[in-house]
Amino acid sequence: MFSKSKINEPAPKATETAKPAAPEAPAAAPKSDFKASAPKAKPPASILSSDLTITGNLKTTGDIQVEGTVEGDIRAHLLTVGETATIKGEVIADDVVVNGRVVGRVRGLKVRLTSTARVEGDIIHKTIAIESGAHFEGSVQRQDDPLTTKGAAKPAPKAEG
């Protein structure tokens, strides 16, 4: 019976399924490509624990939460500096939330210094919030595009010329 049913069924079904399968295969491929790029479910933030010390630069398109010590520059989408954290270097992120200590320049579209923040360095931002109790020593400069260092270099030649 098994071989009889296979012999009888595939002839009409093979021709019928072959015709729709060809158009469906290309249509299915873009759908799967769109599904791969369309979901924007972010992975959780990378957490650098309080007992961790890193010497070197960090770069990610994701989120980082620092609780330890970093001696180097950090570039991320969202950077959260924990209360026990110390960063010695430049910080560049779309969103920067400082609860701990940063020694160096901070560049961000949104920069927030909480009441426990201690920042020693310049802040270049699009929007900024400084809570009461935050310690800050440096200058604050607003730019439309604070993430690019080229934006800071362009005004200098214009001022000279």
C-alpha atoms as a PDB file:
ATOM      1  CA  MET A   1       0.000   0.000   0.000  1.00  0.00           C
ATOM      2  CA  PHE A   2       2.793   2.395   0.774  1.00  0.00           C
ATOM      3  CA  SER A   3       4.374   2.150  -2.654  1.00  0.00           C
ATOM      4  CA  LYS A   4       0.991   2.186  -4.356  1.00  0.00           C
ATOM      5  CA  SER A   5      -0.060   5.419  -2.631  1.00  0.00           C
ATOM      6  CA  LYS A   6       3.298   7.043  -3.443  1.00  0.00           C
ATOM      7  CA  ILE A   7       3.013   6.075  -7.063  1.00  0.00           C
ATOM      8  CA  ASN A   8      -0.561   7.309  -7.353  1.00  0.00           C
ATOM      9  CA  GLU A   9      -0.239  10.558  -5.389  1.00  0.00           C
ATOM     10  CA  PRO A  10       3.082  12.155  -6.385  1.00  0.00           C
ATOM     11  CA  ALA A  11       2.285  12.559 -10.063  1.00  0.00           C
ATOM     12  CA  PRO A  12      -0.561  15.040  -9.639  1.00  0.00           C
ATOM     13  CA  LYS A  13       0.825  16.576  -6.402  1.00  0.00           C
ATOM     14  CA  ALA A  14       4.397  16.955  -7.663  1.00  0.00           C
ATOM     15  CA  THR A  15       3.280  19.104 -10.582  1.00  0.00           C
ATOM     16  CA  GLU A  16       0.801  21.044  -8.437  1.00  0.00           C
ATOM     17  CA  THR A  17       3.219  21.688  -5.571  1.00  0.00           C
ATOM     18  CA  ALA A  18       6.141  22.423  -7.889  1.00  0.00           C
ATOM     19  CA  LYS A  19       4.309  25.356  -9.467  1.00  0.00           C
ATOM     20  CA  PRO A  20       3.284  27.069  -6.201  1.00  0.00           C
ATOM     21  CA  ALA A  21       6.580  26.167  -4.487  1.00  0.00           C
ATOM     22  CA  ALA A  22       8.611  28.177  -6.973  1.00  0.00           C
ATOM     23  CA  PRO A  23       6.738  31.460  -6.327  1.00  0.00           C
ATOM     24  CA  GLU A  24       6.536  30.807  -2.568  1.00  0.00           C
ATOM     25  CA  ALA A  25      10.246  30.153  -2.138  1.00  0.00           C
ATOM     26  CA  PRO A  26      11.343  33.660  -3.192  1.00  0.00           C
ATOM     27  CA  ALA A  27       8.488  35.188  -1.220  1.00  0.00           C
ATOM     28  CA  ALA A  28       9.482  33.203   1.863  1.00  0.00           C
ATOM     29  CA  ALA A  29      13.136  34.246   1.648  1.00  0.00           C
ATOM     30  CA  PRO A  30      12.472  38.009   1.935  1.00  0.00           C
ATOM     31  CA  LYS A  31      10.009  37.382   4.741  1.00  0.00           C
ATOM     32  CA  SER A  32      12.658  35.523   6.706  1.00  0.00           C
ATOM     33  CA  ASP A  33      15.195  38.261   5.934  1.00  0.00           C
ATOM     34  CA  PHE A  34      12.782  40.915   7.150  1.00  0.00           C
ATOM     35  CA  LYS A  35      12.023  38.892  10.244  1.00  0.00           C
ATOM     36  CA  ALA A  36      15.728  38.597  11.026  1.00  0.00           C
ATOM     37  CA  SER A  37      16.283  42.345  10.837  1.00  0.00           C
ATOM     38  CA  ALA A  38      12.837  43.508  11.955  1.00  0.00           C
ATOM     39  CA  PRO A  39      12.774  42.170  15.529  1.00  0.00           C
ATOM     40  CA  LYS A  40      14.431  44.743  17.673  1.00  0.00           C
ATOM     41  CA  ALA A  41      14.308  42.767  20.868  1.00  0.00           C
ATOM     42  CA  LYS A  42      17.470  43.962  22.518  1.00  0.00           C
ATOM     43  CA  PRO A  43      19.709  41.621  24.403  1.00  0.00           C
ATOM     44  CA  PRO A  44      20.132  42.513  28.062  1.00  0.00           C
ATOM     45  CA  ALA A  45      22.816  45.010  29.028  1.00  0.00           C
ATOM     46  CA  SER A  46      26.344  43.724  29.522  1.00  0.00           C
ATOM     47  CA  ILE A  47      27.151  44.088  33.202  1.00  0.00           C
ATOM     48  CA  LEU A  48      30.698  44.664  34.389  1.00  0.00           C
ATOM     49  CA  SER A  49      30.578  43.668  38.044  1.00  0.00           C
ATOM     50  CA  SER A  50      32.049  45.666  40.917  1.00  0.00           C
ATOM     51  CA  ASP A  51      35.036  43.329  41.336  1.00  0.00           C
ATOM     52  CA  LEU A  52      36.089  43.726  37.684  1.00  0.00           C
ATOM     53  CA  THR A  53      38.817  46.104  36.500  1.00  0.00           C
ATOM     54  CA  ILE A  54      39.281  46.614  32.771  1.00  0.00           C
ATOM     55  CA  THR A  55      42.200  48.378  31.159  1.00  0.00           C
ATOM     56  CA  GLY A  56      41.348  49.121  27.542  1.00  0.00           C
ATOM     57  CA  ASN A  57      38.609  50.495  25.362  1.00  0.00           C
ATOM     58  CA  LEU A  58      35.091  49.065  25.145  1.00  0.00           C
ATOM     59  CA  LYS A  59      32.881  49.401  22.068  1.00  0.00           C
ATOM     60  CA  THR A  60      29.400  48.002  21.501  1.00  0.00           C
ATOM     61  CA  THR A  61      26.168  48.855  19.748  1.00  0.00           C
ATOM     62  CA  GLY A  62      24.319  47.515  22.783  1.00  0.00           C
ATOM     63  CA  ASP A  63      23.972  48.570  26.404  1.00  0.00           C
ATOM     64  CA  ILE A  64      26.622  48.433  29.132  1.00  0.00           C
ATOM     65  CA  GLN A  65      26.209  48.709  32.873  1.00  0.00           C
ATOM     66  CA  VAL A  66      29.503  49.350  34.658  1.00  0.00           C
ATOM     67  CA  GLU A  67      29.783  48.599  38.346  1.00  0.00           C
ATOM     68  CA  GLY A  68      33.573  48.107  38.428  1.00  0.00           C
ATOM     69  CA  THR A  69      36.541  50.106  37.138  1.00  0.00           C
ATOM     70  CA  VAL A  70      37.329  50.878  33.502  1.00  0.00           C
ATOM     71  CA  GLU A  71      40.532  52.624  32.465  1.00  0.00           C
ATOM     72  CA  GLY A  72      39.835  53.418  28.837  1.00  0.00           C
ATOM     73  CA  ASP A  73      37.217  54.815  26.510  1.00  0.00           C
ATOM     74  CA  ILE A  74      33.697  53.401  26.295  1.00  0.00           C
ATOM     75  CA  ARG A  75      31.349  53.644  23.325  1.00  0.00           C
ATOM     76  CA  ALA A  76      27.843  52.184  23.631  1.00  0.00           C
ATOM     77  CA  HIS A  77      24.168  52.783  22.937  1.00  0.00           C
ATOM     78  CA  LEU A  78      23.216  53.100  26.601  1.00  0.00           C
ATOM     79  CA  LEU A  79      25.856  53.405  29.297  1.00  0.00           C
ATOM     80  CA  THR A  80      24.901  53.177  32.933  1.00  0.00           C
ATOM     81  CA  VAL A  81      27.663  54.007  35.398  1.00  0.00           C
ATOM     82  CA  GLY A  82      26.820  52.334  38.695  1.00  0.00           C
ATOM     83  CA  GLU A  83      27.348  53.928  42.101  1.00  0.00           C
ATOM     84  CA  THR A  84      30.442  51.809  42.780  1.00  0.00           C
ATOM     85  CA  ALA A  85      31.899  52.368  39.295  1.00  0.00           C
ATOM     86  CA  THR A  86      34.863  54.464  38.212  1.00  0.00           C
ATOM     87  CA  ILE A  87      35.582  55.243  34.574  1.00  0.00           C
ATOM     88  CA  LYS A  88      38.812  56.958  33.593  1.00  0.00           C
ATOM     89  CA  GLY A  89      38.467  57.824  29.932  1.00  0.00           C
ATOM     90  CA  GLU A  90      36.083  59.236  27.372  1.00  0.00           C
ATOM     91  CA  VAL A  91      32.476  58.077  27.389  1.00  0.00           C
ATOM     92  CA  ILE A  92      30.423  58.208  24.180  1.00  0.00           C
ATOM     93  CA  ALA A  93      26.849  56.902  24.146  1.00  0.00           C
ATOM     94  CA  ASP A  94      23.380  57.802  22.945  1.00  0.00           C
ATOM     95  CA  ASP A  95      22.180  57.715  26.553  1.00  0.00           C
ATOM     96  CA  VAL A  96      24.511  58.153  29.521  1.00  0.00           C
ATOM     97  CA  VAL A  97      23.339  57.733  33.099  1.00  0.00           C
ATOM     98  CA  VAL A  98      26.018  58.474  35.687  1.00  0.00           C
ATOM     99  CA  ASN A  99      25.498  57.241  39.231  1.00  0.00           C
ATOM    100  CA  GLY A 100      29.210  56.788  39.989  1.00  0.00           C
ATOM    101  CA  ARG A 101      32.493  58.453  39.019  1.00  0.00           C
ATOM    102  CA  VAL A 102      33.697  59.491  35.571  1.00  0.00           C
ATOM    103  CA  VAL A 103      37.076  61.130  35.015  1.00  0.00           C
ATOM    104  CA  GLY A 104      37.116  62.258  31.402  1.00  0.00           C
ATOM    105  CA  ARG A 105      34.921  63.666  28.674  1.00  0.00           C
ATOM    106  CA  VAL A 106      31.286  62.575  28.440  1.00  0.00           C
ATOM    107  CA  ARG A 107      29.533  62.730  25.053  1.00  0.00           C
ATOM    108  CA  GLY A 108      25.882  61.801  24.728  1.00  0.00           C
ATOM    109  CA  LEU A 109      22.567  62.668  23.173  1.00  0.00           C
ATOM    110  CA  LYS A 110      20.977  62.356  26.615  1.00  0.00           C
ATOM    111  CA  VAL A 111      23.214  62.751  29.654  1.00  0.00           C
ATOM    112  CA  ARG A 112      21.889  62.334  33.170  1.00  0.00           C
ATOM    113  CA  LEU A 113      23.876  62.901  36.347  1.00  0.00           C
ATOM    114  CA  THR A 114      22.103  61.482  39.373  1.00  0.00           C
ATOM    115  CA  SER A 115      22.552  62.728  42.923  1.00  0.00           C
ATOM    116  CA  THR A 116      25.398  60.231  43.519  1.00  0.00           C
ATOM    117  CA  ALA A 117      27.341  61.186  40.348  1.00  0.00           C
ATOM    118  CA  ARG A 118      30.884  62.559  40.401  1.00  0.00           C
ATOM    119  CA  VAL A 119      32.101  63.808  37.019  1.00  0.00           C
ATOM    120  CA  GLU A 120      35.487  65.431  36.405  1.00  0.00           C
ATOM    121  CA  GLY A 121      35.554  66.440  32.762  1.00  0.00           C
ATOM    122  CA  ASP A 122      33.666  68.156  30.006  1.00  0.00           C
ATOM    123  CA  ILE A 123      30.166  67.113  29.024  1.00  0.00           C
ATOM    124  CA  ILE A 124      29.047  67.483  25.418  1.00  0.00           C
ATOM    125  CA  HIS A 125      25.346  66.742  25.070  1.00  0.00           C
ATOM    126  CA  LYS A 126      22.110  67.330  23.224  1.00  0.00           C
ATOM    127  CA  THR A 127      20.026  67.178  26.417  1.00  0.00           C
ATOM    128  CA  ILE A 128      21.266  67.062  29.988  1.00  0.00           C
ATOM    129  CA  ALA A 129      19.792  66.558  33.439  1.00  0.00           C
ATOM    130  CA  ILE A 130      21.761  67.129  36.623  1.00  0.00           C
ATOM    131  CA  GLU A 131      20.113  66.115  39.868  1.00  0.00           C
ATOM    132  CA  SER A 132      20.655  67.984  43.096  1.00  0.00           C
ATOM    133  CA  GLY A 133      23.650  66.560  44.943  1.00  0.00           C
ATOM    134  CA  ALA A 134      25.654  65.602  41.846  1.00  0.00           C
ATOM    135  CA  HIS A 135      29.298  66.700  41.844  1.00  0.00           C
ATOM    136  CA  PHE A 136      30.477  68.071  38.518  1.00  0.00           C
ATOM    137  CA  GLU A 137      33.706  69.808  37.602  1.00  0.00           C
ATOM    138  CA  GLY A 138      34.194  70.809  33.978  1.00  0.00           C
ATOM    139  CA  SER A 139      32.358  72.530  31.186  1.00  0.00           C
ATOM    140  CA  VAL A 140      29.018  71.768  29.597  1.00  0.00           C
ATOM    141  CA  GLN A 141      28.480  72.257  25.881  1.00  0.00           C
ATOM    142  CA  ARG A 142      25.335  71.606  23.872  1.00  0.00           C
ATOM    143  CA  GLN A 143      25.653  70.225  20.347  1.00  0.00           C
ATOM    144  CA  ASP A 144      23.062  68.860  17.930  1.00  0.00           C
ATOM    145  CA  ASP A 145      25.350  65.889  17.191  1.00  0.00           C
ATOM    146  CA  PRO A 146      27.538  65.378  20.269  1.00  0.00           C
ATOM    147  CA  LEU A 147      28.533  61.810  19.363  1.00  0.00           C
ATOM    148  CA  THR A 148      30.858  62.775  16.532  1.00  0.00           C
ATOM    149  CA  THR A 149      34.238  64.248  17.349  1.00  0.00           C
ATOM    150  CA  LYS A 150      34.233  65.724  13.829  1.00  0.00           C
ATOM    151  CA  GLY A 151      31.423  68.059  14.913  1.00  0.00           C
ATOM    152  CA  ALA A 152      33.699  69.521  17.579  1.00  0.00           C
ATOM    153  CA  ALA A 153      36.575  69.942  15.112  1.00  0.00           C
ATOM    154  CA  LYS A 154      34.501  71.746  12.470  1.00  0.00           C
ATOM    155  CA  PRO A 155      33.688  74.890  14.516  1.00  0.00           C
ATOM    156  CA  ALA A 156      37.386  75.561  15.236  1.00  0.00           C
ATOM    157  CA  PRO A 157      38.379  76.087  11.550  1.00  0.00           C
ATOM    158  CA  LYS A 158      35.226  78.174  10.987  1.00  0.00           C
ATOM    159  CA  ALA A 159      36.170  80.396  13.928  1.00  0.00           C
ATOM    160  CA  GLU A 160      39.691  80.852  12.563  1.00  0.00           C
ATOM    161  CA  GLY A 161      38.589  81.484   8.946  1.00  0.00           C
END
